[in-house]
Amino acid sequence: MDTPPLAEENRWKPAETRAVGGTIGPLSAERVASVIVDGIDRRRFAICPGTGTRVPARFGSVLPPLLNRGFDRRVAWSAGRRSGHDARSPEHIPREGATWVCHLCRGLTEL
């Protein structure tokens, strides 16, 4: 939701968080409340106030691997911009069968 606390949080977000979270714009509190009330009236199990959350909720089992890979690339690119090198260059793109450090969980990941 587009609230004063979100505006304050955005002032302090790391570039990596902004790169991942900036894909879905904030909704007004009134819009979110309206969607929640409508969802309750319709006895919906899952209530998603925007397309950016509705699509992943409906196709959740298929999308996470694709979304996570895209998020990892955005984080790597953002970290590279801040450190002065281009994380999109071929040597920074994980190859099939390679082991690399995930920028989100700092754990080793086998591709």
Protein backbone atom coordinates (compact mmCIF):
# COMPACT_ATOMS: atom_id res chain seq x y z
CA MET A 1 0.00 0.00 0.00
CA ASP A 2 1.07 3.54 -0.68
CA THR A 3 1.47 4.82 2.89
CA PRO A 4 3.78 7.22 4.75
CA PRO A 5 5.68 4.27 6.33
CA LEU A 6 6.33 2.87 2.84
CA ALA A 7 7.66 6.24 1.68
CA GLU A 8 10.01 6.31 4.68
CA GLU A 9 11.08 2.70 4.06
CA ASN A 10 11.87 3.51 0.44
CA ARG A 11 14.36 6.14 1.58
CA TRP A 12 16.48 3.44 3.25
CA LYS A 13 16.04 0.42 0.96
CA PRO A 14 19.20 -1.08 -0.51
CA ALA A 15 19.45 -0.93 -4.31
CA GLU A 16 18.97 -4.72 -4.53
CA THR A 17 15.66 -4.53 -2.66
CA ARG A 18 14.51 -1.66 -4.86
CA ALA A 19 15.45 -3.63 -8.00
CA VAL A 20 13.26 -6.58 -7.00
CA GLY A 21 10.43 -4.72 -5.30
CA GLY A 22 10.11 -1.94 -7.85
CA THR A 23 8.30 -4.14 -10.35
CA ILE A 24 4.92 -3.80 -8.61
CA GLY A 25 3.73 -0.31 -7.83
CA PRO A 26 2.04 0.49 -4.52
CA LEU A 27 -1.74 0.65 -4.32
CA SER A 28 -3.72 3.17 -2.32
CA ALA A 29 -5.07 2.08 1.06
CA GLU A 30 -8.60 2.78 -0.20
CA ARG A 31 -8.12 0.49 -3.21
CA VAL A 32 -6.73 -2.35 -1.06
CA ALA A 33 -9.57 -1.98 1.45
CA SER A 34 -12.16 -2.03 -1.35
CA VAL A 35 -10.69 -5.21 -2.86
CA ILE A 36 -10.55 -6.92 0.56
CA VAL A 37 -14.18 -6.07 1.35
CA ASP A 38 -15.25 -7.25 -2.12
CA GLY A 39 -13.29 -10.49 -1.68
CA ILE A 40 -14.90 -11.14 1.69
CA ASP A 41 -18.37 -10.46 0.24
CA ARG A 42 -17.67 -12.98 -2.53
CA ARG A 43 -16.26 -15.49 0.00
CA ARG A 44 -12.91 -15.67 -1.83
CA PHE A 45 -10.19 -17.88 -0.35
CA ALA A 46 -7.35 -15.73 -1.68
CA ILE A 47 -7.71 -11.98 -2.03
CA CYS A 48 -5.10 -10.28 -4.20
CA PRO A 49 -5.50 -6.53 -4.63
CA GLY A 50 -3.51 -6.13 -7.85
CA THR A 51 -2.51 -7.96 -11.01
CA GLY A 52 1.08 -8.05 -9.80
CA THR A 53 0.04 -10.25 -6.88
CA ARG A 54 -2.93 -12.02 -8.47
CA VAL A 55 -0.98 -13.71 -11.27
CA PRO A 56 1.72 -15.25 -9.02
CA ALA A 57 -0.98 -16.37 -6.55
CA ARG A 58 -2.89 -18.22 -9.28
CA PHE A 59 0.11 -19.79 -10.98
CA GLY A 60 2.27 -20.12 -7.88
CA SER A 61 3.61 -23.60 -8.49
CA VAL A 62 4.81 -22.74 -12.00
CA LEU A 63 6.10 -19.20 -11.58
CA PRO A 64 8.52 -19.24 -8.60
CA PRO A 65 11.45 -20.80 -10.47
CA LEU A 66 11.08 -18.24 -13.26
CA LEU A 67 10.50 -15.31 -10.91
CA ASN A 68 13.38 -16.28 -8.62
CA ARG A 69 15.82 -16.45 -11.51
CA GLY A 70 14.70 -13.01 -12.67
CA PHE A 71 14.98 -11.62 -9.13
CA ASP A 72 18.49 -13.06 -8.77
CA ARG A 73 19.56 -11.39 -12.01
CA ARG A 74 18.07 -8.04 -10.97
CA VAL A 75 19.84 -8.22 -7.61
CA ALA A 76 23.15 -9.14 -9.27
CA TRP A 77 22.77 -6.34 -11.81
CA SER A 78 21.92 -3.81 -9.09
CA ALA A 79 24.86 -4.90 -6.92
CA GLY A 80 27.14 -4.69 -9.96
CA ARG A 81 26.05 -1.15 -10.77
CA ARG A 82 26.81 -0.06 -7.24
CA SER A 83 30.25 -1.70 -7.19
CA GLY A 84 31.23 -0.38 -10.62
CA HIS A 85 31.09 -3.52 -12.77
CA ASP A 86 28.34 -4.82 -15.01
CA ALA A 87 26.67 -7.87 -13.43
CA ARG A 88 24.86 -8.52 -16.74
CA SER A 89 28.09 -9.42 -18.50
CA PRO A 90 28.42 -13.10 -19.57
CA GLU A 91 30.81 -14.05 -16.78
CA HIS A 92 28.17 -13.12 -14.19
CA ILE A 93 25.34 -15.16 -15.69
CA PRO A 94 25.16 -18.63 -14.07
CA ARG A 95 25.67 -21.56 -16.43
CA GLU A 96 23.86 -24.89 -16.33
CA GLY A 97 25.55 -27.20 -13.82
CA ALA A 98 27.49 -24.36 -12.20
CA THR A 99 27.55 -23.73 -8.47
CA TRP A 100 27.16 -20.11 -7.50
CA VAL A 101 26.28 -18.03 -4.46
CA CYS A 102 22.69 -16.86 -4.39
CA HIS A 103 22.60 -13.11 -3.70
CA LEU A 104 19.31 -13.44 -1.82
CA CYS A 105 20.06 -16.25 0.62
CA ARG A 106 23.88 -16.26 0.46
CA GLY A 107 23.75 -20.02 0.04
CA LEU A 108 25.32 -22.17 -2.65
CA THR A 109 22.96 -23.09 -5.43
CA GLU A 110 23.41 -25.84 -8.01
CA LEU A 111 21.90 -24.97 -11.40
